[in-house]
Amino acid sequence: MTRYQRNHWFLAVALAGLAGFVDAIGFLYTGGFFTAFMTGNSTRMAVGLFTDASIAAIAGSMIATFVLGVILGNLIGHACPPRARLPLTILGVVLLLAGAAALAMVGLGTAAVGCTLLAMGMENTVFQREGEVSIGLTYMTGTLVKLGQALSRIHRPGQSWAWVPHLLLWAGLVSGAGLGVLAYLDWGLGALWMAVGIRLVLTLIASLPRFALHE
């Protein structure tokens, strides 16, 4: 993450916060499954294989849908010029979340969750370098490892503040998840429209020349 400009850090933190927002909504709606955190779903699938086959099936299908979202995001990224990849990938996430919110409005909650899984998978392809994801926006284990590594180097010249982006990314997701809980308690899956609106603003911001990414 430290290879990016400061404006990209803040965009990544905002996107991580929105990922936490959506994940908390999905967690509450599904009764304990995740729409962004596939490590949790993987553990639930493994446990379900030995305790409850239905849980394993749900978790496995959610993981597969998330991976499909990653594939879609990667295909968009490869099809777009590098300068347009960032805003267009975020726009793809916006459209999927808008579809999820619309499906929820007509009572198709399961389909809505599927769209959020696709969206969260796609979101993880927003920041790429040389065809590989460089900032994971929905999983924080790696971020916390990098935070610890950066803190261990804090005494070295030029490394005093290298830990800050990782801490902000983690804090962004946690804060977003908390807000997602509050929004869900008031509006249910309709709270997804909030994520759509904010992400649409971020799409416009990401289209500014200063946010253009280069390979």
N, C-alpha and C. Protein backbone atom coordinates (compact mmCIF):
# COMPACT_ATOMS: atom_id res chain seq x y z
N MET A 1 0.82 -1.21 0.00
CA MET A 1 0.00 0.00 0.00
C MET A 1 0.85 1.26 0.00
N THR A 2 2.03 1.18 0.58
CA THR A 2 2.89 2.35 0.66
C THR A 2 3.45 2.75 -0.69
N ARG A 3 3.26 1.93 -1.72
CA ARG A 3 3.74 2.26 -3.05
C ARG A 3 2.79 3.24 -3.74
N TYR A 4 1.63 3.49 -3.15
CA TYR A 4 0.65 4.37 -3.74
C TYR A 4 0.75 5.77 -3.16
N GLN A 5 0.17 6.73 -3.92
CA GLN A 5 0.14 8.11 -3.45
C GLN A 5 -0.85 8.24 -2.29
N ARG A 6 -0.71 9.32 -1.56
CA ARG A 6 -1.55 9.50 -0.38
C ARG A 6 -3.03 9.53 -0.73
N ASN A 7 -3.40 10.15 -1.87
CA ASN A 7 -4.81 10.19 -2.23
C ASN A 7 -5.37 8.79 -2.48
N HIS A 8 -4.52 7.89 -2.99
CA HIS A 8 -4.96 6.51 -3.17
C HIS A 8 -5.16 5.81 -1.82
N TRP A 9 -4.35 6.16 -0.84
CA TRP A 9 -4.53 5.58 0.51
C TRP A 9 -5.94 5.88 1.02
N PHE A 10 -6.30 7.15 0.93
CA PHE A 10 -7.60 7.55 1.48
C PHE A 10 -8.76 6.95 0.68
N LEU A 11 -8.58 6.80 -0.63
CA LEU A 11 -9.61 6.13 -1.43
C LEU A 11 -9.73 4.67 -1.00
N ALA A 12 -8.60 4.01 -0.78
CA ALA A 12 -8.62 2.62 -0.34
C ALA A 12 -9.28 2.48 1.02
N VAL A 13 -9.00 3.40 1.93
CA VAL A 13 -9.61 3.37 3.27
C VAL A 13 -11.12 3.54 3.15
N ALA A 14 -11.56 4.46 2.30
CA ALA A 14 -13.00 4.68 2.11
C ALA A 14 -13.66 3.42 1.54
N LEU A 15 -13.02 2.79 0.58
CA LEU A 15 -13.57 1.57 -0.02
C LEU A 15 -13.60 0.43 0.98
N ALA A 16 -12.55 0.34 1.81
CA ALA A 16 -12.53 -0.69 2.85
C ALA A 16 -13.65 -0.46 3.86
N GLY A 17 -13.88 0.81 4.20
CA GLY A 17 -14.97 1.13 5.10
C GLY A 17 -16.31 0.71 4.54
N LEU A 18 -16.53 0.95 3.26
CA LEU A 18 -17.78 0.55 2.63
C LEU A 18 -17.88 -0.97 2.52
N ALA A 19 -16.74 -1.64 2.35
CA ALA A 19 -16.75 -3.11 2.35
C ALA A 19 -17.19 -3.63 3.71
N GLY A 20 -16.67 -3.02 4.78
CA GLY A 20 -17.10 -3.40 6.13
C GLY A 20 -18.58 -3.14 6.33
N PHE A 21 -19.06 -2.04 5.80
CA PHE A 21 -20.48 -1.67 5.87
C PHE A 21 -21.35 -2.76 5.25
N VAL A 22 -20.99 -3.16 4.03
CA VAL A 22 -21.75 -4.18 3.30
C VAL A 22 -21.62 -5.54 3.98
N ASP A 23 -20.43 -5.85 4.47
CA ASP A 23 -20.21 -7.15 5.11
C ASP A 23 -21.04 -7.29 6.38
N ALA A 24 -21.12 -6.22 7.16
CA ALA A 24 -21.92 -6.26 8.38
C ALA A 24 -23.40 -6.46 8.06
N ILE A 25 -23.87 -5.80 7.02
CA ILE A 25 -25.27 -5.96 6.60
C ILE A 25 -25.53 -7.41 6.19
N GLY A 26 -24.62 -7.96 5.38
CA GLY A 26 -24.77 -9.34 4.95
C GLY A 26 -24.70 -10.32 6.10
N PHE A 27 -23.81 -10.06 7.05
CA PHE A 27 -23.66 -10.93 8.21
C PHE A 27 -24.94 -10.99 9.03
N LEU A 28 -25.54 -9.83 9.25
CA LEU A 28 -26.77 -9.78 10.04
C LEU A 28 -27.94 -10.41 9.29
N TYR A 29 -28.01 -10.15 7.99
CA TYR A 29 -29.14 -10.68 7.21
C TYR A 29 -29.08 -12.20 7.09
N THR A 30 -27.87 -12.74 6.88
CA THR A 30 -27.73 -14.18 6.66
C THR A 30 -27.60 -14.97 7.96
N GLY A 31 -27.50 -14.28 9.08
CA GLY A 31 -27.39 -14.97 10.35
C GLY A 31 -26.02 -15.56 10.62
N GLY A 32 -24.98 -14.87 10.16
CA GLY A 32 -23.64 -15.30 10.52
C GLY A 32 -22.73 -15.69 9.37
N PHE A 33 -23.15 -15.40 8.13
CA PHE A 33 -22.27 -15.60 6.98
C PHE A 33 -21.76 -14.24 6.51
N PHE A 34 -20.67 -14.27 5.75
CA PHE A 34 -20.02 -13.03 5.33
C PHE A 34 -20.18 -12.82 3.83
N THR A 35 -20.28 -11.55 3.43
CA THR A 35 -20.31 -11.23 2.00
C THR A 35 -18.98 -10.66 1.51
N ALA A 36 -18.07 -10.39 2.44
CA ALA A 36 -16.77 -9.85 2.04
C ALA A 36 -15.60 -10.64 2.63
N PHE A 37 -15.80 -11.29 3.77
CA PHE A 37 -14.71 -11.95 4.50
C PHE A 37 -14.79 -13.46 4.25
N MET A 38 -14.08 -13.92 3.22
CA MET A 38 -14.20 -15.32 2.82
C MET A 38 -13.43 -16.26 3.73
N THR A 39 -12.50 -15.76 4.52
CA THR A 39 -11.84 -16.62 5.50
C THR A 39 -12.86 -17.16 6.49
N GLY A 40 -13.74 -16.29 6.95
CA GLY A 40 -14.79 -16.70 7.87
C GLY A 40 -15.71 -17.73 7.25
N ASN A 41 -16.10 -17.50 5.98
CA ASN A 41 -16.97 -18.46 5.31
C ASN A 41 -16.25 -19.79 5.07
N SER A 42 -14.95 -19.73 4.83
CA SER A 42 -14.19 -20.97 4.63
C SER A 42 -14.18 -21.81 5.90
N THR A 43 -14.00 -21.16 7.05
CA THR A 43 -14.04 -21.87 8.32
C THR A 43 -15.43 -22.45 8.56
N ARG A 44 -16.46 -21.68 8.27
CA ARG A 44 -17.83 -22.16 8.45
C ARG A 44 -18.11 -23.36 7.53
N MET A 45 -17.59 -23.32 6.31
CA MET A 45 -17.77 -24.45 5.40
C MET A 45 -17.10 -25.70 5.94
N ALA A 46 -15.86 -25.55 6.44
CA ALA A 46 -15.13 -26.70 6.97
C ALA A 46 -15.84 -27.30 8.18
N VAL A 47 -16.31 -26.43 9.07
CA VAL A 47 -17.03 -26.92 10.25
C VAL A 47 -18.33 -27.59 9.83
N GLY A 48 -19.02 -26.97 8.86
CA GLY A 48 -20.29 -27.51 8.39
C GLY A 48 -20.16 -28.88 7.75
N LEU A 49 -19.02 -29.14 7.12
CA LEU A 49 -18.82 -30.46 6.51
C LEU A 49 -18.93 -31.58 7.53
N PHE A 50 -18.64 -31.27 8.79
CA PHE A 50 -18.67 -32.30 9.83
C PHE A 50 -19.84 -32.15 10.80
N THR A 51 -20.58 -31.05 10.69
CA THR A 51 -21.67 -30.82 11.64
C THR A 51 -23.01 -30.57 10.98
N ASP A 52 -23.03 -29.84 9.85
CA ASP A 52 -24.29 -29.48 9.20
C ASP A 52 -24.02 -29.22 7.72
N ALA A 53 -24.44 -30.16 6.88
CA ALA A 53 -24.15 -30.06 5.45
C ALA A 53 -24.77 -28.82 4.82
N SER A 54 -25.91 -28.36 5.34
CA SER A 54 -26.55 -27.18 4.76
C SER A 54 -25.69 -25.94 4.95
N ILE A 55 -25.06 -25.82 6.12
CA ILE A 55 -24.17 -24.70 6.38
C ILE A 55 -22.97 -24.75 5.43
N ALA A 56 -22.42 -25.93 5.24
CA ALA A 56 -21.28 -26.09 4.33
C ALA A 56 -21.68 -25.68 2.91
N ALA A 57 -22.89 -26.06 2.50
CA ALA A 57 -23.35 -25.74 1.15
C ALA A 57 -23.53 -24.24 0.96
N ILE A 58 -24.12 -23.59 1.98
CA ILE A 58 -24.31 -22.14 1.89
C ILE A 58 -22.97 -21.42 1.82
N ALA A 59 -22.06 -21.77 2.72
CA ALA A 59 -20.76 -21.12 2.75
C ALA A 59 -19.99 -21.37 1.46
N GLY A 60 -20.05 -22.60 0.97
CA GLY A 60 -19.34 -22.93 -0.27
C GLY A 60 -19.88 -22.16 -1.46
N SER A 61 -21.20 -22.03 -1.55
CA SER A 61 -21.79 -21.28 -2.66
C SER A 61 -21.45 -19.80 -2.58
N MET A 62 -21.36 -19.27 -1.36
CA MET A 62 -20.99 -17.86 -1.19
C MET A 62 -19.54 -17.62 -1.61
N ILE A 63 -18.67 -18.55 -1.26
CA ILE A 63 -17.26 -18.44 -1.66
C ILE A 63 -17.14 -18.47 -3.18
N ALA A 64 -17.86 -19.39 -3.81
CA ALA A 64 -17.80 -19.51 -5.27
C ALA A 64 -18.29 -18.23 -5.94
N THR A 65 -19.36 -17.65 -5.39
CA THR A 65 -19.90 -16.41 -5.97
C THR A 65 -18.92 -15.26 -5.82
N PHE A 66 -18.28 -15.18 -4.67
CA PHE A 66 -17.26 -14.15 -4.43
C PHE A 66 -16.12 -14.29 -5.44
N VAL A 67 -15.65 -15.51 -5.66
CA VAL A 67 -14.56 -15.74 -6.61
C VAL A 67 -14.99 -15.33 -8.01
N LEU A 68 -16.25 -15.59 -8.36
CA LEU A 68 -16.76 -15.16 -9.66
C LEU A 68 -16.69 -13.64 -9.79
N GLY A 69 -16.98 -12.93 -8.69
CA GLY A 69 -16.85 -11.48 -8.71
C GLY A 69 -15.42 -11.03 -8.94
N VAL A 70 -14.47 -11.74 -8.35
CA VAL A 70 -13.05 -11.44 -8.60
C VAL A 70 -12.72 -11.62 -10.07
N ILE A 71 -13.21 -12.71 -10.65
CA ILE A 71 -12.97 -12.97 -12.07
C ILE A 71 -13.53 -11.85 -12.93
N LEU A 72 -14.76 -11.44 -12.64
CA LEU A 72 -15.37 -10.35 -13.41
C LEU A 72 -14.56 -9.06 -13.28
N GLY A 73 -14.15 -8.75 -12.05
CA GLY A 73 -13.35 -7.54 -11.84
C GLY A 73 -12.03 -7.60 -12.58
N ASN A 74 -11.42 -8.76 -12.58
CA ASN A 74 -10.14 -8.91 -13.28
C ASN A 74 -10.31 -8.75 -14.78
N LEU A 75 -11.39 -9.30 -15.31
CA LEU A 75 -11.65 -9.16 -16.74
C LEU A 75 -11.88 -7.70 -17.11
N ILE A 76 -12.61 -6.98 -16.27
CA ILE A 76 -12.81 -5.55 -16.51
C ILE A 76 -11.48 -4.82 -16.48
N GLY A 77 -10.66 -5.16 -15.48
CA GLY A 77 -9.36 -4.50 -15.35
C GLY A 77 -8.46 -4.71 -16.55
N HIS A 78 -8.47 -5.91 -17.10
CA HIS A 78 -7.62 -6.20 -18.26
C HIS A 78 -8.18 -5.58 -19.53
N ALA A 79 -9.51 -5.37 -19.58
CA ALA A 79 -10.12 -4.81 -20.78
C ALA A 79 -10.02 -3.29 -20.83
N CYS A 80 -9.76 -2.66 -19.67
CA CYS A 80 -9.73 -1.19 -19.60
C CYS A 80 -8.30 -0.67 -19.72
N PRO A 81 -8.14 0.53 -20.27
CA PRO A 81 -6.84 1.19 -20.20
C PRO A 81 -6.48 1.41 -18.73
N PRO A 82 -5.20 1.35 -18.37
CA PRO A 82 -4.81 1.51 -16.97
C PRO A 82 -5.39 2.75 -16.30
N ARG A 83 -5.48 3.86 -17.03
CA ARG A 83 -5.97 5.10 -16.44
C ARG A 83 -7.47 5.05 -16.11
N ALA A 84 -8.20 4.18 -16.82
CA ALA A 84 -9.65 4.10 -16.61
C ALA A 84 -10.04 2.94 -15.70
N ARG A 85 -9.09 2.07 -15.37
CA ARG A 85 -9.42 0.85 -14.63
C ARG A 85 -10.01 1.15 -13.26
N LEU A 86 -9.43 2.09 -12.55
CA LEU A 86 -9.87 2.38 -11.18
C LEU A 86 -11.33 2.82 -11.14
N PRO A 87 -11.73 3.89 -11.86
CA PRO A 87 -13.13 4.30 -11.77
C PRO A 87 -14.11 3.29 -12.36
N LEU A 88 -13.71 2.60 -13.43
CA LEU A 88 -14.64 1.65 -14.05
C LEU A 88 -14.87 0.42 -13.18
N THR A 89 -13.83 -0.01 -12.48
CA THR A 89 -14.02 -1.15 -11.58
C THR A 89 -14.92 -0.77 -10.41
N ILE A 90 -14.70 0.43 -9.86
CA ILE A 90 -15.57 0.89 -8.77
C ILE A 90 -17.00 1.04 -9.28
N LEU A 91 -17.16 1.52 -10.51
CA LEU A 91 -18.50 1.65 -11.09
C LEU A 91 -19.17 0.28 -11.21
N GLY A 92 -18.39 -0.73 -11.58
CA GLY A 92 -18.95 -2.09 -11.64
C GLY A 92 -19.48 -2.53 -10.28
N VAL A 93 -18.72 -2.19 -9.22
CA VAL A 93 -19.18 -2.51 -7.86
C VAL A 93 -20.47 -1.76 -7.55
N VAL A 94 -20.53 -0.50 -7.95
CA VAL A 94 -21.74 0.31 -7.73
C VAL A 94 -22.96 -0.34 -8.38
N LEU A 95 -22.81 -0.77 -9.62
CA LEU A 95 -23.94 -1.36 -10.35
C LEU A 95 -24.40 -2.66 -9.70
N LEU A 96 -23.45 -3.46 -9.25
CA LEU A 96 -23.83 -4.72 -8.59
C LEU A 96 -24.55 -4.46 -7.27
N LEU A 97 -24.07 -3.48 -6.51
CA LEU A 97 -24.73 -3.16 -5.24
C LEU A 97 -26.10 -2.54 -5.48
N ALA A 98 -26.22 -1.75 -6.54
CA ALA A 98 -27.53 -1.19 -6.88
C ALA A 98 -28.49 -2.32 -7.24
N GLY A 99 -27.99 -3.31 -7.97
CA GLY A 99 -28.81 -4.48 -8.28
C GLY A 99 -29.22 -5.21 -7.03
N ALA A 100 -28.29 -5.33 -6.07
CA ALA A 100 -28.60 -6.01 -4.81
C ALA A 100 -29.69 -5.26 -4.05
N ALA A 101 -29.55 -3.94 -3.97
CA ALA A 101 -30.55 -3.13 -3.25
C ALA A 101 -31.92 -3.22 -3.93
N ALA A 102 -31.93 -3.22 -5.26
CA ALA A 102 -33.19 -3.31 -5.99
C ALA A 102 -33.85 -4.68 -5.78
N LEU A 103 -33.06 -5.73 -5.80
CA LEU A 103 -33.59 -7.07 -5.56
C LEU A 103 -34.16 -7.19 -4.15
N ALA A 104 -33.48 -6.57 -3.19
CA ALA A 104 -33.98 -6.60 -1.81
C ALA A 104 -35.33 -5.90 -1.70
N MET A 105 -35.52 -4.84 -2.47
CA MET A 105 -36.77 -4.08 -2.42
C MET A 105 -37.97 -4.91 -2.87
N VAL A 106 -37.73 -5.88 -3.77
CA VAL A 106 -38.83 -6.71 -4.27
C VAL A 106 -38.88 -8.06 -3.57
N GLY A 107 -38.13 -8.17 -2.46
CA GLY A 107 -38.22 -9.36 -1.64
C GLY A 107 -37.32 -10.51 -2.03
N LEU A 108 -36.37 -10.27 -2.93
CA LEU A 108 -35.46 -11.34 -3.38
C LEU A 108 -34.14 -11.22 -2.61
N GLY A 109 -34.20 -11.51 -1.31
CA GLY A 109 -33.05 -11.32 -0.44
C GLY A 109 -31.86 -12.20 -0.80
N THR A 110 -32.13 -13.46 -1.17
CA THR A 110 -31.03 -14.36 -1.50
C THR A 110 -30.28 -13.88 -2.74
N ALA A 111 -31.02 -13.44 -3.74
CA ALA A 111 -30.39 -12.90 -4.95
C ALA A 111 -29.62 -11.62 -4.63
N ALA A 112 -30.16 -10.83 -3.72
CA ALA A 112 -29.48 -9.60 -3.31
C ALA A 112 -28.14 -9.92 -2.67
N VAL A 113 -28.12 -10.93 -1.81
CA VAL A 113 -26.86 -11.34 -1.18
C VAL A 113 -25.87 -11.81 -2.23
N GLY A 114 -26.37 -12.53 -3.24
CA GLY A 114 -25.49 -12.97 -4.32
C GLY A 114 -24.84 -11.80 -5.04
N CYS A 115 -25.60 -10.75 -5.28
CA CYS A 115 -25.04 -9.56 -5.94
C CYS A 115 -24.00 -8.87 -5.06
N THR A 116 -24.24 -8.85 -3.74
CA THR A 116 -23.24 -8.23 -2.87
C THR A 116 -21.95 -9.05 -2.85
N LEU A 117 -22.07 -10.37 -2.93
CA LEU A 117 -20.88 -11.21 -3.00
C LEU A 117 -20.08 -10.93 -4.27
N LEU A 118 -20.76 -10.81 -5.39
CA LEU A 118 -20.09 -10.47 -6.64
C LEU A 118 -19.40 -9.11 -6.52
N ALA A 119 -20.11 -8.16 -5.90
CA ALA A 119 -19.57 -6.81 -5.75
C ALA A 119 -18.32 -6.80 -4.89
N MET A 120 -18.34 -7.53 -3.78
CA MET A 120 -17.18 -7.55 -2.90
C MET A 120 -16.00 -8.27 -3.53
N GLY A 121 -16.28 -9.30 -4.31
CA GLY A 121 -15.19 -9.94 -5.04
C GLY A 121 -14.57 -8.98 -6.04
N MET A 122 -15.42 -8.26 -6.76
CA MET A 122 -14.91 -7.29 -7.74
C MET A 122 -14.14 -6.17 -7.05
N GLU A 123 -14.59 -5.75 -5.87
CA GLU A 123 -13.93 -4.64 -5.19
C GLU A 123 -12.46 -4.94 -4.91
N ASN A 124 -12.15 -6.20 -4.66
CA ASN A 124 -10.77 -6.56 -4.36
C ASN A 124 -9.84 -6.47 -5.56
N THR A 125 -10.38 -6.21 -6.74
CA THR A 125 -9.54 -6.06 -7.93
C THR A 125 -9.32 -4.59 -8.29
N VAL A 126 -9.81 -3.68 -7.45
CA VAL A 126 -9.69 -2.25 -7.75
C VAL A 126 -8.23 -1.83 -7.86
N PHE A 127 -7.41 -2.24 -6.88
CA PHE A 127 -6.00 -1.85 -6.88
C PHE A 127 -5.15 -3.04 -7.32
N GLN A 128 -4.57 -2.90 -8.51
CA GLN A 128 -3.73 -3.96 -9.05
C GLN A 128 -2.42 -3.36 -9.58
N ARG A 129 -1.37 -4.13 -9.49
CA ARG A 129 -0.10 -3.79 -10.13
C ARG A 129 0.43 -5.05 -10.80
N GLU A 130 0.76 -4.90 -12.09
CA GLU A 130 1.29 -6.01 -12.87
C GLU A 130 0.37 -7.22 -12.83
N GLY A 131 -0.94 -6.94 -12.88
CA GLY A 131 -1.92 -8.01 -12.94
C GLY A 131 -2.23 -8.68 -11.62
N GLU A 132 -1.64 -8.22 -10.52
CA GLU A 132 -1.87 -8.83 -9.22
C GLU A 132 -2.49 -7.81 -8.27
N VAL A 133 -3.39 -8.29 -7.41
CA VAL A 133 -4.01 -7.40 -6.42
C VAL A 133 -2.94 -6.89 -5.46
N SER A 134 -2.88 -5.58 -5.29
CA SER A 134 -1.85 -4.97 -4.44
C SER A 134 -2.41 -4.44 -3.13
N ILE A 135 -3.71 -4.18 -3.08
CA ILE A 135 -4.36 -3.78 -1.83
C ILE A 135 -5.64 -4.59 -1.70
N GLY A 136 -5.69 -5.49 -0.72
CA GLY A 136 -6.91 -6.22 -0.46
C GLY A 136 -7.85 -5.38 0.39
N LEU A 137 -9.05 -5.16 -0.10
CA LEU A 137 -9.96 -4.22 0.57
C LEU A 137 -10.96 -4.87 1.49
N THR A 138 -11.08 -6.20 1.46
CA THR A 138 -12.10 -6.83 2.30
C THR A 138 -11.54 -7.86 3.27
N TYR A 139 -10.23 -8.10 3.25
CA TYR A 139 -9.65 -9.05 4.19
C TYR A 139 -8.50 -8.37 4.91
N MET A 140 -8.53 -8.45 6.23
CA MET A 140 -7.64 -7.65 7.04
C MET A 140 -6.51 -8.44 7.71
N THR A 141 -6.51 -9.77 7.59
CA THR A 141 -5.43 -10.53 8.21
C THR A 141 -4.08 -10.12 7.64
N GLY A 142 -4.01 -10.06 6.32
CA GLY A 142 -2.76 -9.65 5.68
C GLY A 142 -2.39 -8.23 6.03
N THR A 143 -3.40 -7.36 6.14
CA THR A 143 -3.14 -5.97 6.51
C THR A 143 -2.56 -5.87 7.91
N LEU A 144 -3.11 -6.66 8.84
CA LEU A 144 -2.59 -6.63 10.20
C LEU A 144 -1.17 -7.21 10.28
N VAL A 145 -0.89 -8.21 9.45
CA VAL A 145 0.49 -8.73 9.38
C VAL A 145 1.44 -7.64 8.90
N LYS A 146 1.02 -6.91 7.85
CA LYS A 146 1.86 -5.83 7.33
C LYS A 146 2.00 -4.71 8.36
N LEU A 147 0.94 -4.46 9.12
CA LEU A 147 1.01 -3.47 10.19
C LEU A 147 2.07 -3.86 11.21
N GLY A 148 2.04 -5.11 11.64
CA GLY A 148 3.02 -5.58 12.60
C GLY A 148 4.44 -5.52 12.06
N GLN A 149 4.60 -5.89 10.79
CA GLN A 149 5.93 -5.83 10.17
C GLN A 149 6.43 -4.39 10.10
N ALA A 150 5.53 -3.48 9.73
CA ALA A 150 5.92 -2.07 9.64
C ALA A 150 6.29 -1.52 11.01
N LEU A 151 5.54 -1.91 12.03
CA LEU A 151 5.85 -1.44 13.38
C LEU A 151 7.20 -1.97 13.87
N SER A 152 7.56 -3.16 13.42
CA SER A 152 8.86 -3.72 13.82
C SER A 152 10.02 -2.97 13.18
N ARG A 153 9.74 -2.21 12.11
CA ARG A 153 10.79 -1.45 11.42
C ARG A 153 10.71 0.03 11.72
N ILE A 154 9.92 0.41 12.71
CA ILE A 154 9.66 1.82 12.97
C ILE A 154 10.93 2.59 13.33
N HIS A 155 11.94 1.89 13.83
CA HIS A 155 13.18 2.55 14.25
C HIS A 155 14.13 2.80 13.08
N ARG A 156 13.82 2.26 11.92
CA ARG A 156 14.72 2.41 10.77
C ARG A 156 14.47 3.74 10.07
N PRO A 157 15.50 4.31 9.46
CA PRO A 157 15.34 5.57 8.73
C PRO A 157 14.30 5.43 7.62
N GLY A 158 13.41 6.39 7.55
CA GLY A 158 12.39 6.40 6.50
C GLY A 158 11.23 5.46 6.74
N GLN A 159 11.21 4.75 7.86
CA GLN A 159 10.15 3.77 8.14
C GLN A 159 9.25 4.19 9.31
N SER A 160 9.42 5.39 9.80
CA SER A 160 8.71 5.81 11.00
C SER A 160 7.19 5.78 10.86
N TRP A 161 6.71 6.08 9.65
CA TRP A 161 5.26 6.19 9.46
C TRP A 161 4.73 5.17 8.46
N ALA A 162 5.49 4.17 8.11
CA ALA A 162 5.07 3.19 7.11
C ALA A 162 3.88 2.35 7.59
N TRP A 163 3.68 2.33 8.90
CA TRP A 163 2.59 1.52 9.46
C TRP A 163 1.22 2.19 9.35
N VAL A 164 1.21 3.50 9.14
CA VAL A 164 -0.04 4.26 9.18
C VAL A 164 -1.06 3.80 8.13
N PRO A 165 -0.69 3.62 6.85
CA PRO A 165 -1.70 3.19 5.87
C PRO A 165 -2.38 1.88 6.24
N HIS A 166 -1.63 0.94 6.79
CA HIS A 166 -2.20 -0.35 7.15
C HIS A 166 -3.18 -0.20 8.32
N LEU A 167 -2.84 0.63 9.29
CA LEU A 167 -3.73 0.87 10.41
C LEU A 167 -5.01 1.55 9.93
N LEU A 168 -4.88 2.53 9.04
CA LEU A 168 -6.05 3.24 8.53
C LEU A 168 -6.96 2.29 7.75
N LEU A 169 -6.37 1.39 6.98
CA LEU A 169 -7.18 0.46 6.20
C LEU A 169 -8.00 -0.45 7.11
N TRP A 170 -7.34 -0.97 8.15
CA TRP A 170 -8.05 -1.82 9.12
C TRP A 170 -9.13 -1.02 9.86
N ALA A 171 -8.78 0.16 10.31
CA ALA A 171 -9.73 1.00 11.05
C ALA A 171 -10.91 1.39 10.16
N GLY A 172 -10.64 1.60 8.89
CA GLY A 172 -11.72 1.94 7.96
C GLY A 172 -12.74 0.82 7.86
N LEU A 173 -12.27 -0.42 7.71
CA LEU A 173 -13.19 -1.54 7.60
C LEU A 173 -13.99 -1.73 8.88
N VAL A 174 -13.32 -1.64 10.03
CA VAL A 174 -14.01 -1.83 11.31
C VAL A 174 -15.06 -0.74 11.52
N SER A 175 -14.69 0.50 11.23
CA SER A 175 -15.64 1.61 11.39
C SER A 175 -16.83 1.44 10.45
N GLY A 176 -16.55 1.06 9.21
CA GLY A 176 -17.64 0.85 8.26
C GLY A 176 -18.57 -0.26 8.70
N ALA A 177 -18.01 -1.33 9.27
CA ALA A 177 -18.84 -2.43 9.75
C ALA A 177 -19.77 -1.96 10.87
N GLY A 178 -19.24 -1.13 11.76
CA GLY A 178 -20.08 -0.61 12.84
C GLY A 178 -21.23 0.23 12.30
N LEU A 179 -20.94 1.06 11.32
CA LEU A 179 -22.00 1.88 10.72
C LEU A 179 -22.99 1.00 9.97
N GLY A 180 -22.49 -0.09 9.38
CA GLY A 180 -23.38 -1.01 8.68
C GLY A 180 -24.39 -1.65 9.62
N VAL A 181 -23.95 -1.98 10.82
CA VAL A 181 -24.85 -2.54 11.82
C VAL A 181 -25.97 -1.55 12.14
N LEU A 182 -25.59 -0.31 12.41
CA LEU A 182 -26.59 0.70 12.75
C LEU A 182 -27.57 0.93 11.60
N ALA A 183 -27.04 0.96 10.38
CA ALA A 183 -27.90 1.18 9.22
C ALA A 183 -28.85 0.01 9.01
N TYR A 184 -28.35 -1.22 9.19
CA TYR A 184 -29.20 -2.39 8.99
C TYR A 184 -30.32 -2.45 10.02
N LEU A 185 -30.02 -2.08 11.24
CA LEU A 185 -31.04 -2.12 12.29
C LEU A 185 -32.19 -1.16 11.98
N ASP A 186 -31.90 -0.10 11.24
CA ASP A 186 -32.95 0.88 10.89
C ASP A 186 -33.63 0.57 9.56
N TRP A 187 -32.85 0.12 8.56
CA TRP A 187 -33.38 0.02 7.20
C TRP A 187 -33.25 -1.38 6.57
N GLY A 188 -32.67 -2.35 7.27
CA GLY A 188 -32.52 -3.67 6.68
C GLY A 188 -31.63 -3.63 5.45
N LEU A 189 -31.95 -4.47 4.48
CA LEU A 189 -31.13 -4.49 3.26
C LEU A 189 -31.23 -3.19 2.46
N GLY A 190 -32.23 -2.39 2.75
CA GLY A 190 -32.34 -1.09 2.09
C GLY A 190 -31.16 -0.19 2.38
N ALA A 191 -30.41 -0.50 3.45
CA ALA A 191 -29.21 0.28 3.78
C ALA A 191 -28.16 0.18 2.69
N LEU A 192 -28.28 -0.83 1.82
CA LEU A 192 -27.32 -0.96 0.71
C LEU A 192 -27.35 0.25 -0.21
N TRP A 193 -28.50 0.95 -0.26
CA TRP A 193 -28.57 2.15 -1.11
C TRP A 193 -27.59 3.22 -0.63
N MET A 194 -27.32 3.24 0.66
CA MET A 194 -26.33 4.19 1.18
C MET A 194 -24.96 3.88 0.62
N ALA A 195 -24.61 2.60 0.59
CA ALA A 195 -23.31 2.20 0.04
C ALA A 195 -23.23 2.52 -1.45
N VAL A 196 -24.35 2.36 -2.14
CA VAL A 196 -24.39 2.69 -3.58
C VAL A 196 -24.10 4.17 -3.79
N GLY A 197 -24.78 5.02 -3.03
CA GLY A 197 -24.61 6.46 -3.21
C GLY A 197 -23.19 6.92 -2.92
N ILE A 198 -22.63 6.44 -1.82
CA ILE A 198 -21.27 6.86 -1.46
C ILE A 198 -20.26 6.34 -2.47
N ARG A 199 -20.44 5.10 -2.92
CA ARG A 199 -19.51 4.56 -3.91
C ARG A 199 -19.61 5.28 -5.24
N LEU A 200 -20.79 5.76 -5.57
CA LEU A 200 -20.94 6.53 -6.81
C LEU A 200 -20.13 7.82 -6.72
N VAL A 201 -20.15 8.45 -5.57
CA VAL A 201 -19.31 9.64 -5.36
C VAL A 201 -17.84 9.28 -5.49
N LEU A 202 -17.44 8.14 -4.92
CA LEU A 202 -16.04 7.71 -5.02
C LEU A 202 -15.65 7.39 -6.46
N THR A 203 -16.61 6.90 -7.24
CA THR A 203 -16.34 6.65 -8.66
C THR A 203 -15.98 7.94 -9.37
N LEU A 204 -16.74 9.00 -9.08
CA LEU A 204 -16.46 10.30 -9.70
C LEU A 204 -15.11 10.84 -9.24
N ILE A 205 -14.81 10.66 -7.96
CA ILE A 205 -13.51 11.11 -7.45
C ILE A 205 -12.38 10.33 -8.10
N ALA A 206 -12.56 9.01 -8.22
CA ALA A 206 -11.51 8.16 -8.79
C ALA A 206 -11.26 8.45 -10.26
N SER A 207 -12.21 9.09 -10.93
CA SER A 207 -12.03 9.42 -12.35
C SER A 207 -11.19 10.67 -12.57
N LEU A 208 -10.87 11.40 -11.48
CA LEU A 208 -10.04 12.59 -11.61
C LEU A 208 -8.63 12.20 -12.03
N PRO A 209 -7.96 13.04 -12.82
CA PRO A 209 -6.61 12.70 -13.31
C PRO A 209 -5.62 12.34 -12.21
N ARG A 210 -5.74 12.97 -11.05
CA ARG A 210 -4.76 12.71 -9.98
C ARG A 210 -4.86 11.28 -9.44
N PHE A 211 -5.99 10.58 -9.73
CA PHE A 211 -6.16 9.23 -9.24
C PHE A 211 -5.80 8.17 -10.28
N ALA A 212 -5.35 8.61 -11.45
CA ALA A 212 -5.01 7.66 -12.50
C ALA A 212 -3.89 6.73 -12.03
N LEU A 213 -4.09 5.42 -12.29
CA LEU A 213 -3.10 4.43 -11.91
C LEU A 213 -2.23 4.08 -13.11
N HIS A 214 -0.99 3.79 -12.85
CA HIS A 214 -0.05 3.40 -13.91
C HIS A 214 0.53 2.05 -13.53
N GLU A 215 0.72 1.21 -14.53
CA GLU A 215 1.33 -0.09 -14.27
C GLU A 215 2.78 0.09 -13.89
